[in-house]
Structures are given as C-alpha cells and as structure tokens.
PDB file of N, CA and C in Angstrom:
ATOM      1  N   UNK A   1      -8.562  10.472  -3.227  1.00  0.00           N
ATOM      2  CA  UNK A   1      -8.779   9.866  -1.935  1.00  0.00           C
ATOM      3  C   UNK A   1      -8.964  10.968  -0.909  1.00  0.00           C
ATOM      4  N   UNK A   2     -10.023  10.909  -0.147  1.00  0.00           N
ATOM      5  CA  UNK A   2     -10.277  11.927   0.855  1.00  0.00           C
ATOM      6  C   UNK A   2      -9.399  11.694   2.083  1.00  0.00           C
ATOM      7  N   UNK A   3      -9.244  12.734   2.875  1.00  0.00           N
ATOM      8  CA  UNK A   3      -8.361  12.670   4.039  1.00  0.00           C
ATOM      9  C   UNK A   3      -8.781  11.615   5.048  1.00  0.00           C
ATOM     10  N   UNK A   4     -10.074  11.407   5.225  1.00  0.00           N
ATOM     11  CA  UNK A   4     -10.532  10.488   6.248  1.00  0.00           C
ATOM     12  C   UNK A   4     -10.650   9.051   5.774  1.00  0.00           C
ATOM     13  N   UNK A   5     -10.420   8.778   4.530  1.00  0.00           N
ATOM     14  CA  UNK A   5     -10.498   7.401   4.062  1.00  0.00           C
ATOM     15  C   UNK A   5      -9.115   6.770   4.105  1.00  0.00           C
ATOM     16  N   UNK A   6      -9.079   5.542   4.565  1.00  0.00           N
ATOM     17  CA  UNK A   6      -7.819   4.819   4.657  1.00  0.00           C
ATOM     18  C   UNK A   6      -7.756   3.741   3.596  1.00  0.00           C
ATOM     19  N   UNK A   7      -6.679   2.993   3.642  1.00  0.00           N
ATOM     20  CA  UNK A   7      -6.534   1.887   2.712  1.00  0.00           C
ATOM     21  C   UNK A   7      -7.475   0.767   3.118  1.00  0.00           C
ATOM     22  N   UNK A   8      -8.035   0.118   2.131  1.00  0.00           N
ATOM     23  CA  UNK A   8      -8.940  -0.995   2.352  1.00  0.00           C
ATOM     24  C   UNK A   8      -8.291  -2.262   1.799  1.00  0.00           C
ATOM     25  N   UNK A   9      -8.689  -3.421   2.276  1.00  0.00           N
ATOM     26  CA  UNK A   9      -8.073  -4.659   1.800  1.00  0.00           C
ATOM     27  C   UNK A   9      -8.062  -4.805   0.281  1.00  0.00           C
ATOM     28  N   UNK A  10      -9.102  -4.308  -0.393  1.00  0.00           N
ATOM     29  CA  UNK A  10      -9.129  -4.460  -1.851  1.00  0.00           C
ATOM     30  C   UNK A  10      -8.220  -3.458  -2.574  1.00  0.00           C
ATOM     31  N   UNK A  11      -7.544  -2.569  -1.828  1.00  0.00           N
ATOM     32  CA  UNK A  11      -6.580  -1.647  -2.431  1.00  0.00           C
ATOM     33  C   UNK A  11      -5.224  -2.323  -2.668  1.00  0.00           C
ATOM     34  N   UNK A  12      -5.011  -3.464  -2.047  1.00  0.00           N
ATOM     35  CA  UNK A  12      -3.715  -4.136  -2.124  1.00  0.00           C
ATOM     36  C   UNK A  12      -3.646  -5.080  -3.289  1.00  0.00           C
ATOM     37  N   UNK A  13      -2.465  -5.311  -3.822  1.00  0.00           N
ATOM     38  CA  UNK A  13      -1.180  -4.805  -3.369  1.00  0.00           C
ATOM     39  C   UNK A  13      -0.960  -3.351  -3.793  1.00  0.00           C
ATOM     40  N   UNK A  14      -0.196  -2.645  -2.979  1.00  0.00           N
ATOM     41  CA  UNK A  14       0.210  -1.281  -3.291  1.00  0.00           C
ATOM     42  C   UNK A  14       1.431  -1.361  -4.199  1.00  0.00           C
ATOM     43  N   UNK A  15       1.470  -0.515  -5.201  1.00  0.00           N
ATOM     44  CA  UNK A  15       2.573  -0.512  -6.152  1.00  0.00           C
ATOM     45  C   UNK A  15       3.274   0.833  -6.140  1.00  0.00           C
ATOM     46  N   UNK A  16       4.588   0.800  -6.319  1.00  0.00           N
ATOM     47  CA  UNK A  16       5.374   2.027  -6.425  1.00  0.00           C
ATOM     48  C   UNK A  16       5.560   2.342  -7.904  1.00  0.00           C
ATOM     49  N   UNK A  17       5.240   3.564  -8.289  1.00  0.00           N
ATOM     50  CA  UNK A  17       5.424   4.039  -9.658  1.00  0.00           C
ATOM     51  C   UNK A  17       6.257   5.308  -9.556  1.00  0.00           C
ATOM     52  N   UNK A  18       7.546   5.148  -9.731  1.00  0.00           N
ATOM     53  CA  UNK A  18       8.519   6.220  -9.477  1.00  0.00           C
ATOM     54  C   UNK A  18       8.391   6.612  -8.010  1.00  0.00           C
ATOM     55  N   UNK A  19       8.031   7.829  -7.687  1.00  0.00           N
ATOM     56  CA  UNK A  19       7.916   8.206  -6.275  1.00  0.00           C
ATOM     57  C   UNK A  19       6.458   8.237  -5.808  1.00  0.00           C
ATOM     58  N   UNK A  20       5.557   7.687  -6.598  1.00  0.00           N
ATOM     59  CA  UNK A  20       4.137   7.641  -6.242  1.00  0.00           C
ATOM     60  C   UNK A  20       3.754   6.241  -5.780  1.00  0.00           C
ATOM     61  N   UNK A  21       2.866   6.173  -4.801  1.00  0.00           N
ATOM     62  CA  UNK A  21       2.304   4.914  -4.348  1.00  0.00           C
ATOM     63  C   UNK A  21       0.881   4.840  -4.873  1.00  0.00           C
ATOM     64  N   UNK A  22       0.534   3.704  -5.460  1.00  0.00           N
ATOM     65  CA  UNK A  22      -0.780   3.538  -6.070  1.00  0.00           C
ATOM     66  C   UNK A  22      -1.359   2.184  -5.702  1.00  0.00           C
ATOM     67  N   UNK A  23      -2.693   2.111  -5.726  1.00  0.00           N
ATOM     68  CA  UNK A  23      -3.346   0.819  -5.537  1.00  0.00           C
ATOM     69  C   UNK A  23      -3.105  -0.013  -6.789  1.00  0.00           C
ATOM     70  N   UNK A  24      -3.436  -1.287  -6.708  1.00  0.00           N
ATOM     71  CA  UNK A  24      -3.262  -2.140  -7.886  1.00  0.00           C
ATOM     72  C   UNK A  24      -4.169  -1.701  -9.037  1.00  0.00           C
ATOM     73  N   UNK A  25      -5.155  -0.868  -8.731  1.00  0.00           N
ATOM     74  CA  UNK A  25      -6.051  -0.337  -9.767  1.00  0.00           C
ATOM     75  C   UNK A  25      -5.514   0.961 -10.369  1.00  0.00           C
ATOM     76  N   UNK A  26      -4.378   1.439  -9.850  1.00  0.00           N
ATOM     77  CA  UNK A  26      -3.770   2.653 -10.381  1.00  0.00           C
ATOM     78  C   UNK A  26      -4.203   3.934  -9.694  1.00  0.00           C
ATOM     79  N   UNK A  27      -4.982   3.837  -8.620  1.00  0.00           N
ATOM     80  CA  UNK A  27      -5.435   5.021  -7.905  1.00  0.00           C
ATOM     81  C   UNK A  27      -4.312   5.527  -6.995  1.00  0.00           C
ATOM     82  N   UNK A  28      -3.967   6.806  -7.054  1.00  0.00           N
ATOM     83  CA  UNK A  28      -2.889   7.326  -6.215  1.00  0.00           C
ATOM     84  C   UNK A  28      -3.244   7.276  -4.736  1.00  0.00           C
ATOM     85  N   UNK A  29      -2.248   6.918  -3.920  1.00  0.00           N
ATOM     86  CA  UNK A  29      -2.437   6.799  -2.483  1.00  0.00           C
ATOM     87  C   UNK A  29      -1.579   7.829  -1.757  1.00  0.00           C
ATOM     88  N   UNK A  30      -0.317   7.944  -2.169  1.00  0.00           N
ATOM     89  CA  UNK A  30       0.620   8.848  -1.495  1.00  0.00           C
ATOM     90  C   UNK A  30       1.826   9.062  -2.402  1.00  0.00           C
ATOM     91  N   UNK A  31       2.683   9.973  -1.980  1.00  0.00           N
ATOM     92  CA  UNK A  31       3.938  10.169  -2.700  1.00  0.00           C
ATOM     93  C   UNK A  31       5.079  10.147  -1.691  1.00  0.00           C
ATOM     94  N   UNK A  32       6.248   9.803  -2.159  1.00  0.00           N
ATOM     95  CA  UNK A  32       7.441   9.730  -1.318  1.00  0.00           C
ATOM     96  C   UNK A  32       8.507  10.658  -1.884  1.00  0.00           C
ATOM     97  N   UNK A  33       9.547  10.876  -1.103  1.00  0.00           N
ATOM     98  CA  UNK A  33      10.618  11.770  -1.530  1.00  0.00           C
ATOM     99  C   UNK A  33      11.454  11.201  -2.676  1.00  0.00           C
ATOM    100  N   UNK A  34      11.514   9.868  -2.764  1.00  0.00           N
ATOM    101  CA  UNK A  34      12.308   9.252  -3.820  1.00  0.00           C
ATOM    102  C   UNK A  34      11.687   7.929  -4.252  1.00  0.00           C
ATOM    103  N   UNK A  35      12.158   7.419  -5.359  1.00  0.00           N
ATOM    104  CA  UNK A  35      11.674   6.144  -5.873  1.00  0.00           C
ATOM    105  C   UNK A  35      12.033   5.009  -4.912  1.00  0.00           C
ATOM    106  N   UNK A  36      13.227   5.068  -4.340  1.00  0.00           N
ATOM    107  CA  UNK A  36      13.681   4.036  -3.405  1.00  0.00           C
ATOM    108  C   UNK A  36      12.782   3.995  -2.170  1.00  0.00           C
ATOM    109  N   UNK A  37      12.448   5.156  -1.628  1.00  0.00           N
ATOM    110  CA  UNK A  37      11.576   5.210  -0.454  1.00  0.00           C
ATOM    111  C   UNK A  37      10.187   4.711  -0.805  1.00  0.00           C
ATOM    112  N   UNK A  38       9.672   5.068  -1.963  1.00  0.00           N
ATOM    113  CA  UNK A  38       8.350   4.594  -2.396  1.00  0.00           C
ATOM    114  C   UNK A  38       8.344   3.069  -2.489  1.00  0.00           C
ATOM    115  N   UNK A  39       9.406   2.489  -3.022  1.00  0.00           N
ATOM    116  CA  UNK A  39       9.507   1.029  -3.100  1.00  0.00           C
ATOM    117  C   UNK A  39       9.485   0.399  -1.709  1.00  0.00           C
ATOM    118  N   UNK A  40      10.224   0.997  -0.780  1.00  0.00           N
ATOM    119  CA  UNK A  40      10.287   0.461   0.582  1.00  0.00           C
ATOM    120  C   UNK A  40       8.932   0.566   1.279  1.00  0.00           C
ATOM    121  N   UNK A  41       8.259   1.684   1.111  1.00  0.00           N
ATOM    122  CA  UNK A  41       6.946   1.864   1.729  1.00  0.00           C
ATOM    123  C   UNK A  41       5.950   0.854   1.172  1.00  0.00           C
ATOM    124  N   UNK A  42       5.928   0.707  -0.141  1.00  0.00           N
ATOM    125  CA  UNK A  42       5.006  -0.253  -0.767  1.00  0.00           C
ATOM    126  C   UNK A  42       5.275  -1.662  -0.256  1.00  0.00           C
ATOM    127  N   UNK A  43       6.536  -2.029  -0.158  1.00  0.00           N
ATOM    128  CA  UNK A  43       6.892  -3.363   0.319  1.00  0.00           C
ATOM    129  C   UNK A  43       6.411  -3.565   1.756  1.00  0.00           C
ATOM    130  N   UNK A  44       6.624  -2.586   2.608  1.00  0.00           N
ATOM    131  CA  UNK A  44       6.205  -2.710   4.006  1.00  0.00           C
ATOM    132  C   UNK A  44       4.684  -2.745   4.144  1.00  0.00           C
ATOM    133  N   UNK A  45       3.988  -1.908   3.397  1.00  0.00           N
ATOM    134  CA  UNK A  45       2.527  -1.925   3.445  1.00  0.00           C
ATOM    135  C   UNK A  45       1.977  -3.275   3.003  1.00  0.00           C
ATOM    136  N   UNK A  46       2.544  -3.809   1.917  1.00  0.00           N
ATOM    137  CA  UNK A  46       2.075  -5.095   1.412  1.00  0.00           C
ATOM    138  C   UNK A  46       2.378  -6.224   2.391  1.00  0.00           C
ATOM    139  N   UNK A  47       3.555  -6.185   3.023  1.00  0.00           N
ATOM    140  CA  UNK A  47       3.892  -7.205   4.021  1.00  0.00           C
ATOM    141  C   UNK A  47       2.943  -7.121   5.210  1.00  0.00           C
ATOM    142  N   UNK A  48       2.650  -5.903   5.650  1.00  0.00           N
ATOM    143  CA  UNK A  48       1.742  -5.714   6.780  1.00  0.00           C
ATOM    144  C   UNK A  48       0.334  -6.220   6.438  1.00  0.00           C
ATOM    145  N   UNK A  49      -0.148  -5.898   5.265  1.00  0.00           N
ATOM    146  CA  UNK A  49      -1.483  -6.352   4.844  1.00  0.00           C
ATOM    147  C   UNK A  49      -1.522  -7.872   4.761  1.00  0.00           C
ATOM    148  N   UNK A  50      -0.450  -8.465   4.262  1.00  0.00           N
ATOM    149  CA  UNK A  50      -0.381  -9.921   4.161  1.00  0.00           C
ATOM    150  C   UNK A  50      -0.415 -10.545   5.554  1.00  0.00           C
ATOM    151  N   UNK A  51       0.334  -9.976   6.502  1.00  0.00           N
ATOM    152  CA  UNK A  51       0.368 -10.495   7.862  1.00  0.00           C
ATOM    153  C   UNK A  51      -1.008 -10.377   8.523  1.00  0.00           C
ATOM    154  N   UNK A  52      -1.685  -9.260   8.307  1.00  0.00           N
ATOM    155  CA  UNK A  52      -3.033  -9.100   8.870  1.00  0.00           C
ATOM    156  C   UNK A  52      -3.976 -10.157   8.314  1.00  0.00           C
ATOM    157  N   UNK A  53      -3.857 -10.453   7.035  1.00  0.00           N
ATOM    158  CA  UNK A  53      -4.699 -11.478   6.413  1.00  0.00           C
ATOM    159  C   UNK A  53      -4.400 -12.844   7.027  1.00  0.00           C
ATOM    160  N   UNK A  54      -3.113 -13.150   7.233  1.00  0.00           N
ATOM    161  CA  UNK A  54      -2.734 -14.418   7.856  1.00  0.00           C
ATOM    162  C   UNK A  54      -3.275 -14.507   9.280  1.00  0.00           C
ATOM    163  N   UNK A  55      -3.211 -13.393  10.021  1.00  0.00           N
ATOM    164  CA  UNK A  55      -3.721 -13.366  11.390  1.00  0.00           C
ATOM    165  C   UNK A  55      -5.224 -13.624  11.429  1.00  0.00           C
ATOM    166  N   UNK A  56      -5.951 -13.096  10.457  1.00  0.00           N
ATOM    167  CA  UNK A  56      -7.403 -13.319  10.402  1.00  0.00           C
ATOM    168  C   UNK A  56      -7.715 -14.799  10.207  1.00  0.00           C
ATOM    169  N   UNK A  57      -6.931 -15.456   9.349  1.00  0.00           N
ATOM    170  CA  UNK A  57      -7.181 -16.862   9.067  1.00  0.00           C
ATOM    171  C   UNK A  57      -6.805 -17.747  10.239  1.00  0.00           C
ATOM    172  N   UNK A  58      -5.807 -17.342  11.030  1.00  0.00           N
ATOM    173  CA  UNK A  58      -5.364 -18.203  12.132  1.00  0.00           C
ATOM    174  C   UNK A  58      -6.139 -17.953  13.425  1.00  0.00           C
ATOM    175  N   UNK A  59      -6.966 -16.941  13.431  1.00  0.00           N
ATOM    176  CA  UNK A  59      -7.720 -16.616  14.662  1.00  0.00           C
ATOM    177  C   UNK A  59      -8.919 -17.507  14.844  1.00  0.00           C
TER     178      UNK A  59
END
C-alpha cells in the first residue's frame, strides 16, 4: 500500500492478525504495538465504516 492511498470501502472489514491489520483480502494495512491494540483498532475502523455506510443510506 502506498503512502498516499487510504482505505477504500471494499477493503472492509479490517481484520486483526496478531499485531497486523489486514483487509478482508489479506492485504496488510498497518501494524500495532500489540495484538490487543490491533483488535481494538480493527473494531473501531469497522464500526466507523459501518456508520458511514448507514449515514449514506439515511441521507
């Protein structure tokens, strides 16, 4: 993943694999200091993406 490219809707859900964050296709996105932090980040990213999708439908 290049520095200027961000996450796209088709990258979700994000999954935590030990301390690595990956797209549902297995492409690495980022790494965290611990497995617990990676899990928390993935959960928050997925919740945020879900909320954005809900906002699009309700607009």
